[in-house]
Amino acid sequence: MKMQYWLMKSEPFVYSFDQLLKDKRTAWDGVRNYQAANNMKAMEIGDHAFFYHSNEGKEIVGIIEIIKKAYPDPSDERGKFVMVDVKPVTRLATSVTLAAMKATKSLETMTLFKQGRLSVTPVTAQEWKIICTMGGVKK
């Protein structure tokens, strides 16, 4: 199966990439949007995602790997939403800001821009390569 790429947002004051580096793995929970949850249900073990700091920073700071497929989120009392487990892969050498991505013509169709409020979005293989290059990561 071909690797899929994603972007997952977290507010750094709630859960930061630095905290994930300390924890070594975490359950990505609390998603309460159906489209974002469907994106999580489509994730496979081994897929990679950008870790995006939302609200503060508005930048991609790291790469994470999906290590457990979607399963029920126990914090969802209605039982409709899921979570996945992730682990850190690497910190970007240079954070890639939202402004820098928006200024890059080859990224203009990113789902991140079309559905800015969505906390989990797909990233194409081409977008992945461009952002990794911008962030100083060889992929």
N, C-alpha and C. Protein backbone atom coordinates (compact mmCIF):
# COMPACT_ATOMS: atom_id res chain seq x y z
N MET A 1 0.84 -1.20 0.00
CA MET A 1 0.00 0.00 0.00
C MET A 1 0.88 1.25 0.00
N LYS A 2 0.48 2.22 -0.78
CA LYS A 2 1.22 3.46 -0.93
C LYS A 2 1.05 4.33 0.32
N MET A 3 2.16 4.96 0.76
CA MET A 3 2.07 5.83 1.93
C MET A 3 1.18 7.03 1.64
N GLN A 4 0.37 7.37 2.63
CA GLN A 4 -0.46 8.57 2.56
C GLN A 4 0.16 9.61 3.47
N TYR A 5 -0.12 10.86 3.16
CA TYR A 5 0.41 11.96 3.95
C TYR A 5 -0.73 12.82 4.47
N TRP A 6 -0.49 13.39 5.65
CA TRP A 6 -1.53 14.15 6.34
C TRP A 6 -0.92 15.38 7.00
N LEU A 7 -1.79 16.25 7.46
CA LEU A 7 -1.42 17.37 8.31
C LEU A 7 -2.35 17.32 9.50
N MET A 8 -1.77 17.34 10.71
CA MET A 8 -2.57 17.27 11.93
C MET A 8 -2.24 18.48 12.79
N LYS A 9 -3.30 19.19 13.20
CA LYS A 9 -3.12 20.43 13.94
C LYS A 9 -3.30 20.21 15.44
N SER A 10 -2.46 20.91 16.19
CA SER A 10 -2.63 20.96 17.64
C SER A 10 -2.21 22.34 18.11
N GLU A 11 -2.98 22.89 19.03
CA GLU A 11 -2.58 24.16 19.63
C GLU A 11 -1.42 23.87 20.57
N PRO A 12 -0.29 24.57 20.41
CA PRO A 12 0.90 24.22 21.19
C PRO A 12 0.70 24.31 22.70
N PHE A 13 -0.22 25.17 23.17
CA PHE A 13 -0.44 25.24 24.62
C PHE A 13 -1.27 24.06 25.12
N VAL A 14 -1.94 23.34 24.20
CA VAL A 14 -2.69 22.14 24.57
C VAL A 14 -1.78 20.92 24.47
N TYR A 15 -1.12 20.76 23.32
CA TYR A 15 -0.18 19.65 23.13
C TYR A 15 0.78 20.04 22.03
N SER A 16 2.05 20.18 22.38
CA SER A 16 3.06 20.66 21.44
C SER A 16 3.90 19.50 20.90
N PHE A 17 4.64 19.79 19.85
CA PHE A 17 5.57 18.80 19.30
C PHE A 17 6.65 18.47 20.33
N ASP A 18 7.09 19.47 21.08
CA ASP A 18 8.08 19.21 22.14
C ASP A 18 7.56 18.20 23.16
N GLN A 19 6.27 18.31 23.49
CA GLN A 19 5.67 17.36 24.44
C GLN A 19 5.65 15.96 23.83
N LEU A 20 5.33 15.86 22.56
CA LEU A 20 5.34 14.55 21.89
C LEU A 20 6.74 13.95 21.90
N LEU A 21 7.76 14.77 21.67
CA LEU A 21 9.14 14.27 21.72
C LEU A 21 9.45 13.69 23.10
N LYS A 22 8.96 14.35 24.15
CA LYS A 22 9.16 13.84 25.52
C LYS A 22 8.38 12.55 25.76
N ASP A 23 7.12 12.54 25.28
CA ASP A 23 6.24 11.40 25.53
C ASP A 23 6.59 10.18 24.67
N LYS A 24 7.18 10.40 23.52
CA LYS A 24 7.59 9.36 22.55
C LYS A 24 6.42 8.76 21.76
N ARG A 25 5.22 8.90 22.23
CA ARG A 25 4.01 8.50 21.50
C ARG A 25 2.81 9.11 22.21
N THR A 26 1.71 9.25 21.49
CA THR A 26 0.50 9.76 22.11
C THR A 26 -0.72 9.32 21.31
N ALA A 27 -1.86 9.37 21.95
CA ALA A 27 -3.14 9.16 21.27
C ALA A 27 -3.61 10.53 20.79
N TRP A 28 -3.91 10.63 19.49
CA TRP A 28 -4.40 11.89 18.93
C TRP A 28 -5.92 11.87 19.07
N ASP A 29 -6.39 12.49 20.13
CA ASP A 29 -7.81 12.41 20.46
C ASP A 29 -8.46 13.79 20.42
N GLY A 30 -9.75 13.83 20.71
CA GLY A 30 -10.47 15.09 20.82
C GLY A 30 -10.99 15.66 19.51
N VAL A 31 -10.81 14.96 18.39
CA VAL A 31 -11.30 15.45 17.11
C VAL A 31 -12.82 15.31 17.08
N ARG A 32 -13.51 16.41 16.79
CA ARG A 32 -14.97 16.39 16.81
C ARG A 32 -15.56 16.95 15.52
N ASN A 33 -14.88 16.72 14.43
CA ASN A 33 -15.37 17.11 13.12
C ASN A 33 -15.45 15.84 12.28
N TYR A 34 -16.58 15.63 11.62
CA TYR A 34 -16.78 14.37 10.89
C TYR A 34 -15.78 14.18 9.76
N GLN A 35 -15.48 15.24 9.02
CA GLN A 35 -14.53 15.10 7.91
C GLN A 35 -13.13 14.79 8.44
N ALA A 36 -12.71 15.47 9.52
CA ALA A 36 -11.41 15.19 10.12
C ALA A 36 -11.38 13.75 10.64
N ALA A 37 -12.47 13.31 11.25
CA ALA A 37 -12.54 11.93 11.76
C ALA A 37 -12.47 10.93 10.61
N ASN A 38 -13.13 11.24 9.50
CA ASN A 38 -13.05 10.36 8.34
C ASN A 38 -11.63 10.29 7.80
N ASN A 39 -10.92 11.41 7.83
CA ASN A 39 -9.52 11.40 7.43
C ASN A 39 -8.70 10.48 8.35
N MET A 40 -8.99 10.53 9.63
CA MET A 40 -8.28 9.67 10.58
C MET A 40 -8.61 8.20 10.33
N LYS A 41 -9.86 7.92 9.98
CA LYS A 41 -10.25 6.53 9.69
C LYS A 41 -9.54 6.00 8.45
N ALA A 42 -9.12 6.90 7.55
CA ALA A 42 -8.44 6.50 6.32
C ALA A 42 -6.94 6.27 6.54
N MET A 43 -6.43 6.65 7.70
CA MET A 43 -4.99 6.52 7.97
C MET A 43 -4.59 5.07 8.15
N GLU A 44 -3.39 4.75 7.67
CA GLU A 44 -2.82 3.42 7.82
C GLU A 44 -1.56 3.51 8.67
N ILE A 45 -1.23 2.43 9.35
CA ILE A 45 0.02 2.38 10.12
C ILE A 45 1.17 2.64 9.15
N GLY A 46 2.06 3.53 9.55
CA GLY A 46 3.20 3.89 8.72
C GLY A 46 3.00 5.18 7.93
N ASP A 47 1.75 5.65 7.79
CA ASP A 47 1.53 6.95 7.15
C ASP A 47 2.24 8.03 7.95
N HIS A 48 2.63 9.10 7.27
CA HIS A 48 3.28 10.22 7.94
C HIS A 48 2.38 11.44 7.90
N ALA A 49 2.55 12.30 8.89
CA ALA A 49 1.78 13.54 8.97
C ALA A 49 2.68 14.67 9.43
N PHE A 50 2.37 15.86 8.94
CA PHE A 50 3.02 17.05 9.48
C PHE A 50 2.34 17.40 10.80
N PHE A 51 3.13 17.80 11.78
CA PHE A 51 2.61 18.30 13.06
C PHE A 51 2.58 19.82 12.93
N TYR A 52 1.38 20.36 12.93
CA TYR A 52 1.16 21.78 12.70
C TYR A 52 0.71 22.44 13.99
N HIS A 53 1.43 23.47 14.43
CA HIS A 53 1.02 24.25 15.59
C HIS A 53 0.00 25.29 15.12
N SER A 54 -1.24 25.15 15.55
CA SER A 54 -2.29 26.08 15.15
C SER A 54 -2.42 27.20 16.20
N ASN A 55 -3.14 28.23 15.82
CA ASN A 55 -3.37 29.42 16.64
C ASN A 55 -2.07 30.15 16.94
N GLU A 56 -1.21 29.62 17.82
CA GLU A 56 0.09 30.24 18.07
C GLU A 56 1.09 29.64 17.10
N GLY A 57 1.81 30.48 16.40
CA GLY A 57 2.84 29.96 15.51
C GLY A 57 2.34 29.76 14.10
N LYS A 58 1.24 29.03 13.94
CA LYS A 58 0.70 28.70 12.61
C LYS A 58 1.82 28.22 11.70
N GLU A 59 2.41 27.09 12.10
CA GLU A 59 3.55 26.57 11.36
C GLU A 59 3.68 25.06 11.54
N ILE A 60 4.26 24.44 10.52
CA ILE A 60 4.59 23.02 10.61
C ILE A 60 5.93 22.93 11.31
N VAL A 61 5.98 22.13 12.38
CA VAL A 61 7.22 22.05 13.17
C VAL A 61 7.85 20.67 13.16
N GLY A 62 7.10 19.65 12.76
CA GLY A 62 7.65 18.30 12.81
C GLY A 62 6.89 17.33 11.94
N ILE A 63 7.43 16.10 11.90
CA ILE A 63 6.81 14.99 11.18
C ILE A 63 6.52 13.89 12.19
N ILE A 64 5.33 13.32 12.08
CA ILE A 64 4.92 12.23 12.96
C ILE A 64 4.49 11.03 12.11
N GLU A 65 4.45 9.88 12.75
CA GLU A 65 4.06 8.65 12.07
C GLU A 65 2.85 8.04 12.76
N ILE A 66 1.92 7.53 11.97
CA ILE A 66 0.74 6.84 12.52
C ILE A 66 1.21 5.45 12.94
N ILE A 67 1.00 5.11 14.22
CA ILE A 67 1.45 3.81 14.72
C ILE A 67 0.30 2.91 15.17
N LYS A 68 -0.92 3.46 15.20
CA LYS A 68 -2.10 2.64 15.51
C LYS A 68 -3.27 3.23 14.74
N LYS A 69 -3.98 2.36 14.00
CA LYS A 69 -5.12 2.80 13.21
C LYS A 69 -6.24 3.33 14.11
N ALA A 70 -7.20 3.98 13.47
CA ALA A 70 -8.31 4.61 14.17
C ALA A 70 -9.05 3.62 15.06
N TYR A 71 -9.36 4.09 16.27
CA TYR A 71 -10.14 3.32 17.23
C TYR A 71 -11.01 4.30 18.02
N PRO A 72 -12.04 3.82 18.71
CA PRO A 72 -12.98 4.73 19.38
C PRO A 72 -12.29 5.64 20.40
N ASP A 73 -12.67 6.92 20.36
CA ASP A 73 -12.16 7.91 21.31
C ASP A 73 -13.03 7.85 22.57
N PRO A 74 -12.47 7.37 23.69
CA PRO A 74 -13.28 7.21 24.89
C PRO A 74 -13.80 8.53 25.47
N SER A 75 -13.22 9.66 25.05
CA SER A 75 -13.71 10.94 25.55
C SER A 75 -14.97 11.41 24.81
N ASP A 76 -15.38 10.66 23.77
CA ASP A 76 -16.59 10.97 23.02
C ASP A 76 -17.74 10.15 23.58
N GLU A 77 -18.59 10.80 24.35
CA GLU A 77 -19.69 10.11 25.02
C GLU A 77 -20.69 9.49 24.04
N ARG A 78 -20.78 10.04 22.83
CA ARG A 78 -21.74 9.51 21.84
C ARG A 78 -21.15 8.36 21.03
N GLY A 79 -19.84 8.15 21.13
CA GLY A 79 -19.21 7.02 20.45
C GLY A 79 -19.10 7.16 18.94
N LYS A 80 -19.07 8.39 18.43
CA LYS A 80 -19.03 8.61 16.99
C LYS A 80 -17.62 8.93 16.47
N PHE A 81 -16.72 9.34 17.36
CA PHE A 81 -15.42 9.82 16.91
C PHE A 81 -14.29 8.88 17.30
N VAL A 82 -13.18 9.01 16.57
CA VAL A 82 -12.05 8.11 16.72
C VAL A 82 -10.78 8.87 17.06
N MET A 83 -9.75 8.10 17.37
CA MET A 83 -8.41 8.66 17.55
C MET A 83 -7.41 7.69 16.95
N VAL A 84 -6.20 8.16 16.73
CA VAL A 84 -5.09 7.32 16.25
C VAL A 84 -3.92 7.56 17.18
N ASP A 85 -2.96 6.63 17.19
CA ASP A 85 -1.75 6.83 17.96
C ASP A 85 -0.64 7.24 17.01
N VAL A 86 0.20 8.15 17.49
CA VAL A 86 1.30 8.67 16.67
C VAL A 86 2.58 8.70 17.48
N LYS A 87 3.71 8.74 16.75
CA LYS A 87 5.01 8.93 17.38
C LYS A 87 5.78 9.95 16.55
N PRO A 88 6.74 10.64 17.18
CA PRO A 88 7.52 11.62 16.43
C PRO A 88 8.49 10.93 15.48
N VAL A 89 8.72 11.54 14.33
CA VAL A 89 9.74 11.07 13.38
C VAL A 89 10.92 12.03 13.43
N THR A 90 10.65 13.31 13.20
CA THR A 90 11.72 14.30 13.22
C THR A 90 11.15 15.70 13.37
N ARG A 91 11.96 16.59 13.90
CA ARG A 91 11.63 18.01 13.93
C ARG A 91 12.13 18.60 12.61
N LEU A 92 11.38 19.53 12.04
CA LEU A 92 11.86 20.20 10.85
C LEU A 92 13.04 21.09 11.24
N ALA A 93 14.06 21.15 10.39
CA ALA A 93 15.22 22.00 10.64
C ALA A 93 14.78 23.46 10.70
N THR A 94 13.81 23.80 9.85
CA THR A 94 13.23 25.14 9.81
C THR A 94 11.72 24.98 9.80
N SER A 95 11.03 25.59 10.75
CA SER A 95 9.57 25.54 10.74
C SER A 95 9.05 26.18 9.47
N VAL A 96 7.96 25.62 8.94
CA VAL A 96 7.36 26.14 7.71
C VAL A 96 6.06 26.84 8.11
N THR A 97 6.05 28.16 7.98
CA THR A 97 4.91 28.94 8.41
C THR A 97 3.76 28.88 7.41
N LEU A 98 2.57 29.16 7.91
CA LEU A 98 1.40 29.24 7.05
C LEU A 98 1.63 30.30 5.98
N ALA A 99 2.20 31.43 6.35
CA ALA A 99 2.47 32.50 5.38
C ALA A 99 3.42 32.02 4.28
N ALA A 100 4.46 31.28 4.64
CA ALA A 100 5.41 30.77 3.64
C ALA A 100 4.72 29.77 2.71
N MET A 101 3.85 28.93 3.27
CA MET A 101 3.14 27.97 2.42
C MET A 101 2.20 28.70 1.46
N LYS A 102 1.47 29.70 1.97
CA LYS A 102 0.54 30.44 1.12
C LYS A 102 1.27 31.21 0.03
N ALA A 103 2.51 31.58 0.29
CA ALA A 103 3.31 32.33 -0.69
C ALA A 103 3.96 31.42 -1.74
N THR A 104 3.80 30.11 -1.59
CA THR A 104 4.40 29.15 -2.51
C THR A 104 3.36 28.71 -3.53
N LYS A 105 3.53 29.15 -4.78
CA LYS A 105 2.53 28.90 -5.82
C LYS A 105 2.17 27.42 -5.97
N SER A 106 3.16 26.53 -5.86
CA SER A 106 2.89 25.10 -6.06
C SER A 106 2.10 24.48 -4.90
N LEU A 107 1.84 25.25 -3.85
CA LEU A 107 1.03 24.75 -2.73
C LEU A 107 -0.36 25.38 -2.68
N GLU A 108 -0.70 26.17 -3.68
CA GLU A 108 -1.92 26.97 -3.61
C GLU A 108 -3.22 26.15 -3.51
N THR A 109 -3.19 24.87 -3.87
CA THR A 109 -4.42 24.09 -3.81
C THR A 109 -4.48 23.19 -2.56
N MET A 110 -3.59 23.40 -1.60
CA MET A 110 -3.60 22.58 -0.38
C MET A 110 -4.95 22.62 0.33
N THR A 111 -5.37 21.49 0.81
CA THR A 111 -6.61 21.41 1.59
C THR A 111 -6.54 22.33 2.80
N LEU A 112 -5.36 22.49 3.37
CA LEU A 112 -5.17 23.38 4.52
C LEU A 112 -5.73 24.77 4.24
N PHE A 113 -5.59 25.26 3.02
CA PHE A 113 -6.07 26.60 2.68
C PHE A 113 -7.55 26.61 2.35
N LYS A 114 -8.03 25.53 1.73
CA LYS A 114 -9.43 25.46 1.32
C LYS A 114 -10.35 25.17 2.50
N GLN A 115 -9.84 24.42 3.47
CA GLN A 115 -10.65 24.06 4.65
C GLN A 115 -9.81 24.34 5.89
N GLY A 116 -9.55 25.61 6.12
CA GLY A 116 -8.63 26.06 7.15
C GLY A 116 -8.99 25.65 8.58
N ARG A 117 -10.27 25.40 8.83
CA ARG A 117 -10.68 25.05 10.19
C ARG A 117 -10.55 23.55 10.46
N LEU A 118 -10.32 22.77 9.42
CA LEU A 118 -10.24 21.31 9.57
C LEU A 118 -8.94 20.92 10.26
N SER A 119 -9.02 20.12 11.31
CA SER A 119 -7.83 19.81 12.13
C SER A 119 -6.99 18.65 11.60
N VAL A 120 -7.53 17.86 10.69
CA VAL A 120 -6.78 16.75 10.08
C VAL A 120 -7.09 16.77 8.59
N THR A 121 -6.05 17.03 7.78
CA THR A 121 -6.26 17.15 6.34
C THR A 121 -5.28 16.29 5.57
N PRO A 122 -5.67 15.86 4.38
CA PRO A 122 -4.73 15.12 3.53
C PRO A 122 -3.71 16.07 2.92
N VAL A 123 -2.53 15.53 2.61
CA VAL A 123 -1.46 16.27 1.93
C VAL A 123 -1.04 15.39 0.75
N THR A 124 -0.91 15.97 -0.43
CA THR A 124 -0.48 15.18 -1.58
C THR A 124 1.01 14.87 -1.48
N ALA A 125 1.46 13.88 -2.23
CA ALA A 125 2.89 13.52 -2.23
C ALA A 125 3.73 14.70 -2.72
N GLN A 126 3.24 15.43 -3.69
CA GLN A 126 3.97 16.59 -4.21
C GLN A 126 4.06 17.69 -3.14
N GLU A 127 2.94 17.98 -2.46
CA GLU A 127 2.95 18.98 -1.38
C GLU A 127 3.91 18.55 -0.28
N TRP A 128 3.90 17.26 0.03
CA TRP A 128 4.79 16.71 1.07
C TRP A 128 6.25 17.01 0.73
N LYS A 129 6.64 16.72 -0.50
CA LYS A 129 8.03 16.93 -0.93
C LYS A 129 8.41 18.41 -0.84
N ILE A 130 7.53 19.27 -1.30
CA ILE A 130 7.81 20.71 -1.29
C ILE A 130 7.99 21.22 0.14
N ILE A 131 7.09 20.83 1.04
CA ILE A 131 7.16 21.31 2.42
C ILE A 131 8.38 20.72 3.13
N CYS A 132 8.69 19.46 2.87
CA CYS A 132 9.90 18.88 3.46
C CYS A 132 11.14 19.65 3.01
N THR A 133 11.18 20.01 1.75
CA THR A 133 12.32 20.79 1.24
C THR A 133 12.37 22.16 1.94
N MET A 134 11.21 22.81 2.06
CA MET A 134 11.15 24.10 2.72
C MET A 134 11.61 24.00 4.18
N GLY A 135 11.30 22.87 4.81
CA GLY A 135 11.63 22.66 6.22
C GLY A 135 13.02 22.06 6.46
N GLY A 136 13.75 21.81 5.38
CA GLY A 136 15.10 21.29 5.52
C GLY A 136 15.17 19.82 5.87
N VAL A 137 14.13 19.06 5.47
CA VAL A 137 14.08 17.61 5.75
C VAL A 137 14.16 16.89 4.41
N LYS A 138 15.02 15.90 4.34
CA LYS A 138 15.12 15.09 3.12
C LYS A 138 14.09 13.98 3.20
N LYS A 139 13.21 13.94 2.21
CA LYS A 139 12.15 12.90 2.19
C LYS A 139 12.05 12.32 0.82
